[in-house]
Amino acid sequence: MISAQTIKGSIDELGAITKVELCVMDLNGDIVASTTEREMLDISIITSFAQSPVDSQVIGDVHLFKILDEGEPSYVLLAKGDSEHAYMVGKIGVSQLQNLIVAYKERYDRNNFFQNLLLDNMLLIDVYNRARKLKVEVNVPRVIILVEVKHSNDNTAQELLGSIMHHIQVIM
């Protein structure tokens, strides 16, 4: 998951550029990162907003936004300031943080690593560094099975591969 330090750096930069006070809280109302020392809203308001079906809300001069991870709320972003300006900055912050969440997931995802390796989308030094971070042994023989089917609705290949994988797991 994305670190609090990364979130802090991101909202600090955005806040410094836009002069809007920003705060990111988890779904329990605990502050993850903030550009201000002042408390913007009561924790009960944050938690009830996090549980509500809406994606954004305005309370006074504070805009609340949900930061989603695969459609599920992960954090709440608060943006305090001039109504239209704070709303726009909040939307930009949400977009930026959601993209960071996706980027961090891809960076630490083994399937994504192997896919990029097969597609030759990585430099050799990156291969070794990411393999080490993902705890993937480098000098281990691996097999790639490429299956071409004539009809997209033919499930025979999928069943065959499932059976092969089951037998491999039983042998190991």
C-alpha atoms as a PDB file:
ATOM      1  CA  MET A   1       0.000   0.000   0.000  1.00  0.00           C
ATOM      2  CA  ILE A   2       1.036   3.569  -0.552  1.00  0.00           C
ATOM      3  CA  SER A   3       3.020   5.053   2.332  1.00  0.00           C
ATOM      4  CA  ALA A   4       1.914   7.988   4.483  1.00  0.00           C
ATOM      5  CA  GLN A   5       5.176   9.713   3.548  1.00  0.00           C
ATOM      6  CA  THR A   6       4.284   9.535  -0.161  1.00  0.00           C
ATOM      7  CA  ILE A   7       0.785  10.876   0.524  1.00  0.00           C
ATOM      8  CA  LYS A   8       2.262  13.682   2.641  1.00  0.00           C
ATOM      9  CA  GLY A   9       4.724  14.666  -0.079  1.00  0.00           C
ATOM     10  CA  SER A  10       2.001  14.694  -2.696  1.00  0.00           C
ATOM     11  CA  ILE A  11      -0.478  16.864  -0.770  1.00  0.00           C
ATOM     12  CA  ASP A  12       2.296  19.163   0.511  1.00  0.00           C
ATOM     13  CA  GLU A  13       3.292  19.965  -3.074  1.00  0.00           C
ATOM     14  CA  LEU A  14      -0.302  20.418  -4.188  1.00  0.00           C
ATOM     15  CA  GLY A  15      -1.111  22.584  -1.168  1.00  0.00           C
ATOM     16  CA  ALA A  16       1.986  24.766  -1.649  1.00  0.00           C
ATOM     17  CA  ILE A  17       1.132  25.376  -5.302  1.00  0.00           C
ATOM     18  CA  THR A  18      -2.590  26.033  -4.825  1.00  0.00           C
ATOM     19  CA  LYS A  19      -2.709  27.590  -1.329  1.00  0.00           C
ATOM     20  CA  VAL A  20      -5.503  25.168  -0.371  1.00  0.00           C
ATOM     21  CA  GLU A  21      -5.340  23.354   2.971  1.00  0.00           C
ATOM     22  CA  LEU A  22      -5.472  19.596   2.428  1.00  0.00           C
ATOM     23  CA  CYS A  23      -5.832  16.630   4.737  1.00  0.00           C
ATOM     24  CA  VAL A  24      -5.959  12.901   4.009  1.00  0.00           C
ATOM     25  CA  MET A  25      -7.637  10.680   6.579  1.00  0.00           C
ATOM     26  CA  ASP A  26      -8.254   6.968   6.746  1.00  0.00           C
ATOM     27  CA  LEU A  27     -11.803   5.626   6.933  1.00  0.00           C
ATOM     28  CA  ASN A  28     -11.693   5.674  10.762  1.00  0.00           C
ATOM     29  CA  GLY A  29     -10.978   9.420  10.816  1.00  0.00           C
ATOM     30  CA  ASP A  30      -7.284   9.151  11.699  1.00  0.00           C
ATOM     31  CA  ILE A  31      -5.052  11.694   9.955  1.00  0.00           C
ATOM     32  CA  VAL A  32      -2.649  10.120   7.450  1.00  0.00           C
ATOM     33  CA  ALA A  33      -1.179  13.403   6.192  1.00  0.00           C
ATOM     34  CA  SER A  34      -2.101  17.074   6.426  1.00  0.00           C
ATOM     35  CA  THR A  35      -0.862  20.459   5.267  1.00  0.00           C
ATOM     36  CA  THR A  36      -2.250  22.156   8.378  1.00  0.00           C
ATOM     37  CA  GLU A  37      -2.081  21.689  12.120  1.00  0.00           C
ATOM     38  CA  ARG A  38      -5.724  22.676  12.559  1.00  0.00           C
ATOM     39  CA  GLU A  39      -8.498  20.103  12.662  1.00  0.00           C
ATOM     40  CA  MET A  40     -10.866  20.744   9.763  1.00  0.00           C
ATOM     41  CA  LEU A  41     -13.900  18.679  10.795  1.00  0.00           C
ATOM     42  CA  ASP A  42     -15.085  16.426  13.594  1.00  0.00           C
ATOM     43  CA  ILE A  43     -14.058  12.775  13.215  1.00  0.00           C
ATOM     44  CA  SER A  44     -17.692  11.597  13.365  1.00  0.00           C
ATOM     45  CA  ILE A  45     -18.441  13.610  10.206  1.00  0.00           C
ATOM     46  CA  ILE A  46     -15.510  11.962   8.416  1.00  0.00           C
ATOM     47  CA  THR A  47     -16.496   8.421   9.404  1.00  0.00           C
ATOM     48  CA  SER A  48     -20.148   8.920   8.458  1.00  0.00           C
ATOM     49  CA  PHE A  49     -19.067  10.381   5.096  1.00  0.00           C
ATOM     50  CA  ALA A  50     -16.744   7.387   4.532  1.00  0.00           C
ATOM     51  CA  GLN A  51     -19.685   5.019   5.056  1.00  0.00           C
ATOM     52  CA  SER A  52     -22.091   7.019   2.874  1.00  0.00           C
ATOM     53  CA  PRO A  53     -22.743   6.191  -0.804  1.00  0.00           C
ATOM     54  CA  VAL A  54     -21.693   9.652  -2.079  1.00  0.00           C
ATOM     55  CA  ASP A  55     -18.212  10.346  -3.488  1.00  0.00           C
ATOM     56  CA  SER A  56     -18.007  14.004  -2.452  1.00  0.00           C
ATOM     57  CA  GLN A  57     -19.681  16.388  -0.044  1.00  0.00           C
ATOM     58  CA  VAL A  58     -19.343  20.001   1.116  1.00  0.00           C
ATOM     59  CA  ILE A  59     -19.617  21.058   4.764  1.00  0.00           C
ATOM     60  CA  GLY A  60     -19.087  24.802   5.197  1.00  0.00           C
ATOM     61  CA  ASP A  61     -15.853  25.646   3.402  1.00  0.00           C
ATOM     62  CA  VAL A  62     -14.504  22.064   3.547  1.00  0.00           C
ATOM     63  CA  HIS A  63     -14.883  19.690   0.602  1.00  0.00           C
ATOM     64  CA  LEU A  64     -14.760  15.972   1.347  1.00  0.00           C
ATOM     65  CA  PHE A  65     -13.753  13.459  -1.337  1.00  0.00           C
ATOM     66  CA  LYS A  66     -13.382   9.696  -1.278  1.00  0.00           C
ATOM     67  CA  ILE A  67     -10.129   8.268  -2.617  1.00  0.00           C
ATOM     68  CA  LEU A  68     -11.022   4.937  -4.197  1.00  0.00           C
ATOM     69  CA  ASP A  69      -8.930   1.834  -4.690  1.00  0.00           C
ATOM     70  CA  GLU A  70     -10.558  -0.499  -7.237  1.00  0.00           C
ATOM     71  CA  GLY A  71     -13.927   1.136  -6.560  1.00  0.00           C
ATOM     72  CA  GLU A  72     -13.696   0.838  -2.775  1.00  0.00           C
ATOM     73  CA  PRO A  73     -12.972   3.827  -0.500  1.00  0.00           C
ATOM     74  CA  SER A  74      -9.458   3.839   0.970  1.00  0.00           C
ATOM     75  CA  TYR A  75      -9.052   7.386   2.244  1.00  0.00           C
ATOM     76  CA  VAL A  76     -10.935  10.656   2.595  1.00  0.00           C
ATOM     77  CA  LEU A  77      -9.408  13.870   1.238  1.00  0.00           C
ATOM     78  CA  LEU A  78     -10.441  17.196   2.786  1.00  0.00           C
ATOM     79  CA  ALA A  79      -9.846  20.434   0.891  1.00  0.00           C
ATOM     80  CA  LYS A  80     -10.478  23.722   2.690  1.00  0.00           C
ATOM     81  CA  GLY A  81     -10.715  27.020   0.873  1.00  0.00           C
ATOM     82  CA  ASP A  82     -12.624  29.070  -1.685  1.00  0.00           C
ATOM     83  CA  SER A  83     -15.520  26.914  -2.873  1.00  0.00           C
ATOM     84  CA  GLU A  84     -14.807  26.386  -6.577  1.00  0.00           C
ATOM     85  CA  HIS A  85     -11.029  26.510  -6.212  1.00  0.00           C
ATOM     86  CA  ALA A  86     -10.956  24.061  -3.288  1.00  0.00           C
ATOM     87  CA  TYR A  87     -13.299  21.710  -5.158  1.00  0.00           C
ATOM     88  CA  MET A  88     -11.039  21.687  -8.221  1.00  0.00           C
ATOM     89  CA  VAL A  89      -7.892  21.181  -6.137  1.00  0.00           C
ATOM     90  CA  GLY A  90      -9.613  18.372  -4.220  1.00  0.00           C
ATOM     91  CA  LYS A  91     -10.543  16.605  -7.449  1.00  0.00           C
ATOM     92  CA  ILE A  92      -6.957  16.944  -8.695  1.00  0.00           C
ATOM     93  CA  GLY A  93      -5.667  15.560  -5.372  1.00  0.00           C
ATOM     94  CA  VAL A  94      -8.028  12.587  -5.556  1.00  0.00           C
ATOM     95  CA  SER A  95      -6.929  11.835  -9.116  1.00  0.00           C
ATOM     96  CA  GLN A  96      -3.256  12.108  -8.185  1.00  0.00           C
ATOM     97  CA  LEU A  97      -3.560   9.868  -5.116  1.00  0.00           C
ATOM     98  CA  GLN A  98      -5.660   7.243  -6.917  1.00  0.00           C
ATOM     99  CA  ASN A  99      -3.042   7.094  -9.679  1.00  0.00           C
ATOM    100  CA  LEU A 100      -0.297   6.716  -7.059  1.00  0.00           C
ATOM    101  CA  ILE A 101      -2.199   3.818  -5.471  1.00  0.00           C
ATOM    102  CA  VAL A 102      -2.439   2.072  -8.863  1.00  0.00           C
ATOM    103  CA  ALA A 103       1.247   2.726  -9.601  1.00  0.00           C
ATOM    104  CA  TYR A 104       2.336   1.284  -6.247  1.00  0.00           C
ATOM    105  CA  LYS A 105       0.190  -1.796  -6.757  1.00  0.00           C
ATOM    106  CA  GLU A 106       1.682  -2.389 -10.212  1.00  0.00           C
ATOM    107  CA  ARG A 107       5.184  -1.885  -8.860  1.00  0.00           C
ATOM    108  CA  TYR A 108       4.774  -4.554  -6.199  1.00  0.00           C
ATOM    109  CA  ASP A 109       2.650  -7.008  -8.198  1.00  0.00           C
ATOM    110  CA  ARG A 110       4.327 -10.253  -9.255  1.00  0.00           C
ATOM    111  CA  ASN A 111       1.970 -10.880 -12.178  1.00  0.00           C
ATOM    112  CA  ASN A 112       2.669  -7.400 -13.553  1.00  0.00           C
ATOM    113  CA  PHE A 113       6.406  -8.051 -13.162  1.00  0.00           C
ATOM    114  CA  PHE A 114       6.280 -11.297 -15.160  1.00  0.00           C
ATOM    115  CA  GLN A 115       4.053  -9.739 -17.822  1.00  0.00           C
ATOM    116  CA  ASN A 116       6.494  -6.841 -18.306  1.00  0.00           C
ATOM    117  CA  LEU A 117       9.376  -9.310 -18.341  1.00  0.00           C
ATOM    118  CA  LEU A 118       7.739 -11.364 -21.107  1.00  0.00           C
ATOM    119  CA  LEU A 119       6.871  -8.272 -23.134  1.00  0.00           C
ATOM    120  CA  ASP A 120      10.453  -6.996 -22.746  1.00  0.00           C
ATOM    121  CA  ASN A 121       9.211  -3.754 -21.154  1.00  0.00           C
ATOM    122  CA  MET A 122      12.011  -3.583 -18.577  1.00  0.00           C
ATOM    123  CA  LEU A 123      15.676  -2.737 -18.512  1.00  0.00           C
ATOM    124  CA  LEU A 124      17.970  -5.534 -17.336  1.00  0.00           C
ATOM    125  CA  ILE A 125      18.936  -3.703 -14.144  1.00  0.00           C
ATOM    126  CA  ASP A 126      15.239  -3.115 -13.362  1.00  0.00           C
ATOM    127  CA  VAL A 127      14.563  -6.834 -13.799  1.00  0.00           C
ATOM    128  CA  TYR A 128      17.072  -7.744 -11.095  1.00  0.00           C
ATOM    129  CA  ASN A 129      16.026  -4.958  -8.730  1.00  0.00           C
ATOM    130  CA  ARG A 130      12.296  -5.692  -8.969  1.00  0.00           C
ATOM    131  CA  ALA A 131      12.904  -9.437  -8.732  1.00  0.00           C
ATOM    132  CA  ARG A 132      14.806  -8.871  -5.494  1.00  0.00           C
ATOM    133  CA  LYS A 133      12.046  -6.634  -4.090  1.00  0.00           C
ATOM    134  CA  LEU A 134       9.344  -9.155  -5.026  1.00  0.00           C
ATOM    135  CA  LYS A 135      11.449 -12.030  -3.651  1.00  0.00           C
ATOM    136  CA  VAL A 136      11.563 -13.760  -7.043  1.00  0.00           C
ATOM    137  CA  GLU A 137      14.580 -16.023  -7.488  1.00  0.00           C
ATOM    138  CA  VAL A 138      16.440 -15.047 -10.630  1.00  0.00           C
ATOM    139  CA  ASN A 139      18.304 -18.261 -11.488  1.00  0.00           C
ATOM    140  CA  VAL A 140      15.350 -20.652 -11.480  1.00  0.00           C
ATOM    141  CA  PRO A 141      14.145 -22.385 -14.650  1.00  0.00           C
ATOM    142  CA  ARG A 142      10.673 -21.291 -15.731  1.00  0.00           C
ATOM    143  CA  VAL A 143       8.228 -22.427 -18.395  1.00  0.00           C
ATOM    144  CA  ILE A 144       5.909 -20.330 -20.528  1.00  0.00           C
ATOM    145  CA  ILE A 145       2.892 -21.988 -22.099  1.00  0.00           C
ATOM    146  CA  LEU A 146       1.331 -20.122 -24.995  1.00  0.00           C
ATOM    147  CA  VAL A 147      -2.023 -21.444 -26.173  1.00  0.00           C
ATOM    148  CA  GLU A 148      -3.866 -20.287 -29.283  1.00  0.00           C
ATOM    149  CA  VAL A 149      -7.540 -21.180 -29.627  1.00  0.00           C
ATOM    150  CA  LYS A 150      -9.618 -21.028 -32.784  1.00  0.00           C
ATOM    151  CA  HIS A 151     -12.840 -19.916 -31.086  1.00  0.00           C
ATOM    152  CA  SER A 152     -12.924 -17.486 -28.165  1.00  0.00           C
ATOM    153  CA  ASN A 153     -15.781 -19.371 -26.472  1.00  0.00           C
ATOM    154  CA  ASP A 154     -13.849 -22.665 -26.462  1.00  0.00           C
ATOM    155  CA  ASN A 155     -13.116 -23.545 -22.825  1.00  0.00           C
ATOM    156  CA  THR A 156     -11.035 -26.637 -23.626  1.00  0.00           C
ATOM    157  CA  ALA A 157      -7.716 -24.795 -23.413  1.00  0.00           C
ATOM    158  CA  GLN A 158      -8.639 -23.222 -20.082  1.00  0.00           C
ATOM    159  CA  GLU A 159      -9.650 -26.607 -18.653  1.00  0.00           C
ATOM    160  CA  LEU A 160      -6.449 -28.205 -19.963  1.00  0.00           C
ATOM    161  CA  LEU A 161      -4.248 -25.512 -18.420  1.00  0.00           C
ATOM    162  CA  GLY A 162      -6.175 -25.753 -15.147  1.00  0.00           C
ATOM    163  CA  SER A 163      -5.592 -29.498 -15.094  1.00  0.00           C
ATOM    164  CA  ILE A 164      -1.865 -29.063 -15.829  1.00  0.00           C
ATOM    165  CA  MET A 165      -1.509 -26.490 -13.041  1.00  0.00           C
ATOM    166  CA  HIS A 166      -3.319 -28.787 -10.601  1.00  0.00           C
ATOM    167  CA  HIS A 167      -0.964 -31.688 -11.433  1.00  0.00           C
ATOM    168  CA  ILE A 168       2.100 -29.466 -11.082  1.00  0.00           C
ATOM    169  CA  GLN A 169       0.973 -28.319  -7.630  1.00  0.00           C
ATOM    170  CA  VAL A 170       0.320 -31.928  -6.562  1.00  0.00           C
ATOM    171  CA  ILE A 171       3.812 -32.999  -7.697  1.00  0.00           C
ATOM    172  CA  MET A 172       5.498 -30.181  -5.794  1.00  0.00           C
END
